[in-house]
Amino acid sequence: MKSYRKELYFNTNSRRAFINITPELNEAIQASGIREGLLLCNAMHITASVFINDDESGLHHDFEVWLEKLAPEKPYSQYNHNGYEDNADAHLKRQIMGREVTVAITNGRLDLGPWEQVFYGEFDGKRNKRVLIKIIGE
């Protein structure tokens, strides 16, 4: 069995963003030479997420509105965590959207459903963040 490791780096211009990383994952699979196996992709920061869903701008807007209702950014004083930082909402949003995805690799490609894409979710941007890609298989 072979393994391959790669990191992606992000520094968004906005506090929150959803970035389709499916092409980068497919590039990593090609670089790995693995044709059958598993790909793990996870955010390496507690205020970012990796998740699978549809690449549709209306849905991304709905995510933003829904997450803001569940864990509003302001007022900062509503969160005990915000004594030293102002990103408690980002921690909560990450918890909802998840840390990682695992996807089967079949015939050298991600084995996703018809509309499924993999996304990096940023909830406390404007600084350097990274995502781990780990691929194992044959």
N, C-alpha and C. Protein backbone atom coordinates (compact mmCIF):
# COMPACT_ATOMS: atom_id res chain seq x y z
N MET A 1 0.85 -1.18 0.00
CA MET A 1 0.00 0.00 0.00
C MET A 1 0.89 1.24 0.00
N LYS A 2 0.48 2.25 -0.78
CA LYS A 2 1.21 3.51 -0.85
C LYS A 2 0.45 4.58 -0.07
N SER A 3 1.19 5.62 0.32
CA SER A 3 0.54 6.79 0.93
C SER A 3 1.15 8.05 0.34
N TYR A 4 0.36 9.12 0.40
CA TYR A 4 0.76 10.41 -0.17
C TYR A 4 0.20 11.49 0.74
N ARG A 5 0.98 12.54 0.97
CA ARG A 5 0.57 13.64 1.83
C ARG A 5 0.84 14.96 1.14
N LYS A 6 -0.11 15.87 1.23
CA LYS A 6 0.05 17.21 0.67
C LYS A 6 -0.74 18.19 1.53
N GLU A 7 -0.28 19.43 1.57
CA GLU A 7 -1.02 20.49 2.27
C GLU A 7 -1.44 21.56 1.28
N LEU A 8 -2.63 22.09 1.49
CA LEU A 8 -3.12 23.26 0.76
C LEU A 8 -3.09 24.44 1.71
N TYR A 9 -2.85 25.63 1.19
CA TYR A 9 -2.75 26.82 2.02
C TYR A 9 -3.78 27.85 1.57
N PHE A 10 -4.38 28.52 2.54
CA PHE A 10 -5.40 29.52 2.26
C PHE A 10 -5.16 30.77 3.10
N ASN A 11 -5.49 31.91 2.53
CA ASN A 11 -5.52 33.18 3.25
C ASN A 11 -6.59 34.01 2.54
N THR A 12 -7.82 33.90 3.02
CA THR A 12 -8.94 34.54 2.34
C THR A 12 -8.97 36.04 2.63
N ASN A 13 -9.56 36.78 1.71
CA ASN A 13 -9.70 38.23 1.87
C ASN A 13 -10.86 38.60 2.78
N SER A 14 -11.72 37.64 3.06
CA SER A 14 -12.89 37.89 3.90
C SER A 14 -12.87 36.99 5.12
N ARG A 15 -13.67 37.33 6.10
CA ARG A 15 -13.74 36.53 7.33
C ARG A 15 -14.30 35.14 7.05
N ARG A 16 -15.30 35.06 6.15
CA ARG A 16 -15.91 33.78 5.83
C ARG A 16 -15.87 33.55 4.32
N ALA A 17 -15.65 32.28 3.94
CA ALA A 17 -15.62 31.93 2.52
C ALA A 17 -15.83 30.43 2.37
N PHE A 18 -16.36 30.05 1.21
CA PHE A 18 -16.48 28.65 0.82
C PHE A 18 -15.73 28.49 -0.50
N ILE A 19 -14.72 27.62 -0.51
CA ILE A 19 -13.85 27.45 -1.67
C ILE A 19 -13.91 25.99 -2.13
N ASN A 20 -14.25 25.79 -3.39
CA ASN A 20 -14.29 24.44 -3.96
C ASN A 20 -12.85 23.95 -4.15
N ILE A 21 -12.50 22.88 -3.43
CA ILE A 21 -11.14 22.34 -3.51
C ILE A 21 -11.11 21.00 -4.24
N THR A 22 -12.21 20.62 -4.88
CA THR A 22 -12.26 19.35 -5.60
C THR A 22 -11.16 19.24 -6.65
N PRO A 23 -10.90 20.27 -7.46
CA PRO A 23 -9.81 20.14 -8.45
C PRO A 23 -8.45 19.88 -7.81
N GLU A 24 -8.17 20.52 -6.69
CA GLU A 24 -6.89 20.32 -6.01
C GLU A 24 -6.78 18.89 -5.47
N LEU A 25 -7.90 18.33 -5.01
CA LEU A 25 -7.87 16.94 -4.53
C LEU A 25 -7.62 15.98 -5.68
N ASN A 26 -8.26 16.22 -6.82
CA ASN A 26 -8.01 15.37 -7.99
C ASN A 26 -6.57 15.47 -8.46
N GLU A 27 -5.98 16.67 -8.39
CA GLU A 27 -4.57 16.83 -8.74
C GLU A 27 -3.68 16.03 -7.80
N ALA A 28 -4.02 16.03 -6.51
CA ALA A 28 -3.24 15.27 -5.53
C ALA A 28 -3.34 13.77 -5.82
N ILE A 29 -4.53 13.31 -6.20
CA ILE A 29 -4.68 11.89 -6.54
C ILE A 29 -3.78 11.54 -7.72
N GLN A 30 -3.77 12.38 -8.74
CA GLN A 30 -2.92 12.13 -9.92
C GLN A 30 -1.45 12.10 -9.51
N ALA A 31 -1.03 13.04 -8.67
CA ALA A 31 0.37 13.09 -8.22
C ALA A 31 0.74 11.87 -7.39
N SER A 32 -0.23 11.33 -6.65
CA SER A 32 0.04 10.19 -5.78
C SER A 32 0.25 8.90 -6.56
N GLY A 33 -0.35 8.81 -7.75
CA GLY A 33 -0.30 7.57 -8.51
C GLY A 33 -1.22 6.49 -7.99
N ILE A 34 -2.02 6.80 -6.98
CA ILE A 34 -2.94 5.83 -6.38
C ILE A 34 -4.22 5.77 -7.22
N ARG A 35 -4.61 4.57 -7.60
CA ARG A 35 -5.80 4.38 -8.44
C ARG A 35 -7.01 3.90 -7.64
N GLU A 36 -6.76 3.16 -6.55
CA GLU A 36 -7.83 2.63 -5.70
C GLU A 36 -7.44 2.86 -4.25
N GLY A 37 -8.29 3.54 -3.49
CA GLY A 37 -7.95 3.78 -2.09
C GLY A 37 -8.90 4.77 -1.45
N LEU A 38 -8.36 5.53 -0.52
CA LEU A 38 -9.13 6.51 0.24
C LEU A 38 -8.37 7.82 0.32
N LEU A 39 -9.12 8.90 0.26
CA LEU A 39 -8.56 10.24 0.46
C LEU A 39 -9.20 10.84 1.71
N LEU A 40 -8.35 11.28 2.62
CA LEU A 40 -8.79 12.03 3.80
C LEU A 40 -8.39 13.48 3.58
N CYS A 41 -9.29 14.39 3.83
CA CYS A 41 -8.98 15.81 3.72
C CYS A 41 -9.55 16.51 4.94
N ASN A 42 -8.69 17.20 5.68
CA ASN A 42 -9.18 17.88 6.88
C ASN A 42 -8.53 19.24 7.08
N ALA A 43 -9.32 20.13 7.67
CA ALA A 43 -8.84 21.46 8.04
C ALA A 43 -7.92 21.31 9.24
N MET A 44 -6.81 22.03 9.22
CA MET A 44 -5.83 21.96 10.30
C MET A 44 -5.96 23.14 11.26
N HIS A 45 -7.12 23.79 11.22
CA HIS A 45 -7.39 24.92 12.11
C HIS A 45 -8.79 24.78 12.67
N ILE A 46 -8.97 25.14 13.91
CA ILE A 46 -10.23 24.94 14.63
C ILE A 46 -11.33 25.91 14.19
N THR A 47 -11.00 26.86 13.31
CA THR A 47 -12.01 27.80 12.82
C THR A 47 -12.22 27.66 11.31
N ALA A 48 -11.90 26.48 10.78
CA ALA A 48 -12.10 26.19 9.36
C ALA A 48 -12.67 24.78 9.23
N SER A 49 -13.22 24.48 8.06
CA SER A 49 -13.93 23.24 7.86
C SER A 49 -13.63 22.66 6.49
N VAL A 50 -13.84 21.37 6.33
CA VAL A 50 -13.88 20.72 5.03
C VAL A 50 -15.18 19.92 5.00
N PHE A 51 -15.95 20.08 3.93
CA PHE A 51 -17.25 19.40 3.85
C PHE A 51 -17.60 19.12 2.39
N ILE A 52 -18.60 18.28 2.19
CA ILE A 52 -19.07 17.93 0.85
C ILE A 52 -20.49 18.46 0.68
N ASN A 53 -20.71 19.13 -0.46
CA ASN A 53 -22.06 19.55 -0.81
C ASN A 53 -22.07 20.01 -2.26
N ASP A 54 -23.13 20.67 -2.66
CA ASP A 54 -23.33 21.14 -4.03
C ASP A 54 -22.61 22.47 -4.25
N ASP A 55 -22.04 22.67 -5.43
CA ASP A 55 -21.37 23.93 -5.76
C ASP A 55 -22.39 24.86 -6.41
N GLU A 56 -23.23 25.45 -5.59
CA GLU A 56 -24.31 26.31 -6.08
C GLU A 56 -24.34 27.56 -5.21
N SER A 57 -24.22 28.73 -5.83
CA SER A 57 -24.04 29.98 -5.08
C SER A 57 -25.22 30.28 -4.15
N GLY A 58 -26.43 29.95 -4.56
CA GLY A 58 -27.58 30.17 -3.68
C GLY A 58 -27.48 29.34 -2.41
N LEU A 59 -27.03 28.11 -2.55
CA LEU A 59 -26.86 27.24 -1.39
C LEU A 59 -25.76 27.79 -0.48
N HIS A 60 -24.68 28.28 -1.05
CA HIS A 60 -23.60 28.85 -0.24
C HIS A 60 -24.11 30.06 0.54
N HIS A 61 -24.92 30.88 -0.09
CA HIS A 61 -25.54 32.01 0.61
C HIS A 61 -26.43 31.50 1.75
N ASP A 62 -27.20 30.44 1.47
CA ASP A 62 -28.07 29.86 2.51
C ASP A 62 -27.25 29.34 3.69
N PHE A 63 -26.11 28.71 3.41
CA PHE A 63 -25.22 28.27 4.49
C PHE A 63 -24.80 29.46 5.35
N GLU A 64 -24.38 30.53 4.69
CA GLU A 64 -23.92 31.73 5.40
C GLU A 64 -25.03 32.27 6.31
N VAL A 65 -26.22 32.40 5.79
CA VAL A 65 -27.36 32.93 6.57
C VAL A 65 -27.69 31.99 7.72
N TRP A 66 -27.76 30.70 7.44
CA TRP A 66 -28.11 29.70 8.45
C TRP A 66 -27.07 29.66 9.57
N LEU A 67 -25.79 29.64 9.19
CA LEU A 67 -24.73 29.61 10.21
C LEU A 67 -24.73 30.88 11.06
N GLU A 68 -25.00 32.01 10.44
CA GLU A 68 -25.02 33.27 11.18
C GLU A 68 -26.20 33.30 12.16
N LYS A 69 -27.31 32.66 11.82
CA LYS A 69 -28.44 32.55 12.76
C LYS A 69 -28.08 31.66 13.94
N LEU A 70 -27.38 30.57 13.66
CA LEU A 70 -27.02 29.61 14.71
C LEU A 70 -25.93 30.14 15.63
N ALA A 71 -24.95 30.83 15.05
CA ALA A 71 -23.80 31.34 15.81
C ALA A 71 -23.42 32.72 15.27
N PRO A 72 -24.17 33.75 15.65
CA PRO A 72 -23.89 35.09 15.11
C PRO A 72 -22.52 35.60 15.55
N GLU A 73 -21.86 36.27 14.61
CA GLU A 73 -20.54 36.83 14.91
C GLU A 73 -20.61 37.87 16.03
N LYS A 74 -21.61 38.75 15.95
CA LYS A 74 -21.73 39.86 16.91
C LYS A 74 -23.05 39.78 17.65
N PRO A 75 -23.14 40.29 18.85
CA PRO A 75 -22.08 41.01 19.56
C PRO A 75 -21.03 40.04 20.11
N TYR A 76 -19.79 40.45 20.03
CA TYR A 76 -18.69 39.62 20.50
C TYR A 76 -18.83 39.28 21.98
N SER A 77 -19.46 40.16 22.73
CA SER A 77 -19.58 39.98 24.18
C SER A 77 -20.49 38.82 24.56
N GLN A 78 -21.23 38.25 23.62
CA GLN A 78 -22.13 37.14 23.95
C GLN A 78 -21.40 35.83 24.22
N TYR A 79 -20.10 35.79 23.91
CA TYR A 79 -19.33 34.55 24.05
C TYR A 79 -18.24 34.71 25.12
N ASN A 80 -18.15 33.75 26.02
CA ASN A 80 -17.08 33.74 27.02
C ASN A 80 -15.71 33.62 26.38
N HIS A 81 -15.60 32.88 25.29
CA HIS A 81 -14.32 32.69 24.60
C HIS A 81 -13.73 34.02 24.12
N ASN A 82 -14.56 34.99 23.86
CA ASN A 82 -14.10 36.23 23.26
C ASN A 82 -13.43 37.19 24.24
N GLY A 83 -12.94 36.70 25.35
CA GLY A 83 -12.17 37.54 26.25
C GLY A 83 -10.82 37.92 25.65
N TYR A 84 -10.25 37.02 24.85
CA TYR A 84 -8.94 37.26 24.25
C TYR A 84 -9.00 37.38 22.73
N GLU A 85 -10.03 36.81 22.14
CA GLU A 85 -10.19 36.83 20.69
C GLU A 85 -11.63 37.23 20.37
N ASP A 86 -11.92 37.36 19.08
CA ASP A 86 -13.29 37.70 18.68
C ASP A 86 -13.83 36.65 17.71
N ASN A 87 -13.43 35.37 17.88
CA ASN A 87 -13.79 34.37 16.90
C ASN A 87 -14.56 33.17 17.46
N ALA A 88 -15.23 33.34 18.58
CA ALA A 88 -15.99 32.22 19.15
C ALA A 88 -17.01 31.68 18.15
N ASP A 89 -17.65 32.58 17.41
CA ASP A 89 -18.63 32.13 16.42
C ASP A 89 -17.99 31.21 15.38
N ALA A 90 -16.75 31.48 15.00
CA ALA A 90 -16.05 30.67 14.01
C ALA A 90 -15.82 29.25 14.52
N HIS A 91 -15.51 29.10 15.81
CA HIS A 91 -15.35 27.78 16.41
C HIS A 91 -16.66 27.00 16.34
N LEU A 92 -17.76 27.67 16.63
CA LEU A 92 -19.07 27.01 16.61
C LEU A 92 -19.48 26.64 15.19
N LYS A 93 -19.24 27.53 14.23
CA LYS A 93 -19.58 27.25 12.84
C LYS A 93 -18.79 26.06 12.31
N ARG A 94 -17.53 25.97 12.66
CA ARG A 94 -16.71 24.82 12.26
C ARG A 94 -17.27 23.53 12.84
N GLN A 95 -17.72 23.59 14.08
CA GLN A 95 -18.27 22.39 14.71
C GLN A 95 -19.48 21.88 13.95
N ILE A 96 -20.28 22.79 13.45
CA ILE A 96 -21.49 22.43 12.69
C ILE A 96 -21.11 21.87 11.31
N MET A 97 -20.19 22.50 10.61
CA MET A 97 -19.85 22.12 9.24
C MET A 97 -18.86 20.95 9.17
N GLY A 98 -18.16 20.67 10.25
CA GLY A 98 -17.31 19.49 10.28
C GLY A 98 -15.85 19.78 9.99
N ARG A 99 -15.01 18.86 10.42
CA ARG A 99 -13.56 19.00 10.30
C ARG A 99 -13.01 18.39 9.03
N GLU A 100 -13.62 17.28 8.54
CA GLU A 100 -12.96 16.49 7.52
C GLU A 100 -13.95 15.74 6.65
N VAL A 101 -13.42 15.22 5.54
CA VAL A 101 -14.16 14.29 4.70
C VAL A 101 -13.23 13.14 4.34
N THR A 102 -13.81 11.98 4.13
CA THR A 102 -13.11 10.82 3.59
C THR A 102 -13.87 10.40 2.35
N VAL A 103 -13.15 10.26 1.24
CA VAL A 103 -13.78 9.93 -0.04
C VAL A 103 -13.04 8.76 -0.67
N ALA A 104 -13.81 7.82 -1.21
CA ALA A 104 -13.21 6.70 -1.94
C ALA A 104 -12.56 7.21 -3.22
N ILE A 105 -11.47 6.56 -3.57
CA ILE A 105 -10.82 6.78 -4.86
C ILE A 105 -11.05 5.53 -5.69
N THR A 106 -11.66 5.71 -6.84
CA THR A 106 -11.95 4.60 -7.74
C THR A 106 -11.44 4.96 -9.12
N ASN A 107 -10.61 4.09 -9.66
CA ASN A 107 -10.07 4.29 -11.00
C ASN A 107 -9.35 5.65 -11.12
N GLY A 108 -8.66 6.04 -10.04
CA GLY A 108 -7.84 7.25 -10.06
C GLY A 108 -8.60 8.56 -9.92
N ARG A 109 -9.88 8.50 -9.49
CA ARG A 109 -10.69 9.72 -9.32
C ARG A 109 -11.50 9.64 -8.04
N LEU A 110 -11.85 10.82 -7.52
CA LEU A 110 -12.76 10.86 -6.38
C LEU A 110 -14.08 10.21 -6.76
N ASP A 111 -14.59 9.36 -5.90
CA ASP A 111 -15.84 8.65 -6.16
C ASP A 111 -16.98 9.41 -5.48
N LEU A 112 -17.36 10.53 -6.11
CA LEU A 112 -18.39 11.42 -5.55
C LEU A 112 -19.71 11.21 -6.28
N GLY A 113 -20.81 11.60 -5.61
CA GLY A 113 -22.12 11.57 -6.24
C GLY A 113 -22.22 12.63 -7.33
N PRO A 114 -23.33 12.64 -8.08
CA PRO A 114 -23.45 13.50 -9.26
C PRO A 114 -23.21 14.99 -9.01
N TRP A 115 -23.63 15.51 -7.88
CA TRP A 115 -23.49 16.95 -7.63
C TRP A 115 -22.52 17.26 -6.51
N GLU A 116 -21.91 16.22 -5.95
CA GLU A 116 -21.04 16.42 -4.80
C GLU A 116 -19.70 17.04 -5.19
N GLN A 117 -19.28 18.02 -4.39
CA GLN A 117 -17.99 18.68 -4.51
C GLN A 117 -17.43 18.83 -3.09
N VAL A 118 -16.13 18.98 -2.97
CA VAL A 118 -15.49 19.14 -1.66
C VAL A 118 -15.13 20.61 -1.49
N PHE A 119 -15.43 21.15 -0.30
CA PHE A 119 -15.22 22.56 -0.02
C PHE A 119 -14.38 22.78 1.22
N TYR A 120 -13.59 23.85 1.16
CA TYR A 120 -12.94 24.42 2.33
C TYR A 120 -13.86 25.52 2.82
N GLY A 121 -14.23 25.47 4.09
CA GLY A 121 -15.05 26.51 4.70
C GLY A 121 -14.21 27.33 5.66
N GLU A 122 -14.15 28.61 5.43
CA GLU A 122 -13.37 29.53 6.27
C GLU A 122 -14.35 30.35 7.11
N PHE A 123 -14.13 30.39 8.42
CA PHE A 123 -15.01 31.12 9.32
C PHE A 123 -14.31 32.20 10.13
N ASP A 124 -12.99 32.30 9.99
CA ASP A 124 -12.20 33.33 10.67
C ASP A 124 -10.98 33.63 9.80
N GLY A 125 -11.23 34.19 8.64
CA GLY A 125 -10.20 34.35 7.62
C GLY A 125 -9.27 35.52 7.82
N LYS A 126 -8.64 35.90 6.73
CA LYS A 126 -7.67 36.99 6.67
C LYS A 126 -6.36 36.63 7.38
N ARG A 127 -6.06 35.34 7.42
CA ARG A 127 -4.78 34.88 7.95
C ARG A 127 -4.48 33.50 7.37
N ASN A 128 -3.25 33.07 7.50
CA ASN A 128 -2.81 31.82 6.89
C ASN A 128 -3.44 30.62 7.57
N LYS A 129 -3.96 29.72 6.74
CA LYS A 129 -4.54 28.46 7.22
C LYS A 129 -4.10 27.36 6.28
N ARG A 130 -4.23 26.10 6.74
CA ARG A 130 -3.84 24.99 5.89
C ARG A 130 -4.82 23.83 6.01
N VAL A 131 -4.80 23.01 4.97
CA VAL A 131 -5.65 21.82 4.87
C VAL A 131 -4.74 20.64 4.53
N LEU A 132 -4.96 19.53 5.20
CA LEU A 132 -4.18 18.31 4.96
C LEU A 132 -4.92 17.39 4.00
N ILE A 133 -4.18 16.87 3.03
CA ILE A 133 -4.68 15.80 2.15
C ILE A 133 -3.82 14.58 2.42
N LYS A 134 -4.44 13.46 2.76
CA LYS A 134 -3.73 12.20 2.96
C LYS A 134 -4.43 11.15 2.12
N ILE A 135 -3.65 10.50 1.26
CA ILE A 135 -4.19 9.49 0.36
C ILE A 135 -3.48 8.17 0.63
N ILE A 136 -4.27 7.10 0.77
CA ILE A 136 -3.69 5.77 0.94
C ILE A 136 -4.36 4.82 -0.05
N GLY A 137 -3.60 3.87 -0.53
CA GLY A 137 -4.17 2.88 -1.45
C GLY A 137 -3.13 2.28 -2.35
N GLU A 138 -3.61 1.74 -3.46
CA GLU A 138 -2.75 1.04 -4.43
C GLU A 138 -2.80 1.72 -5.78
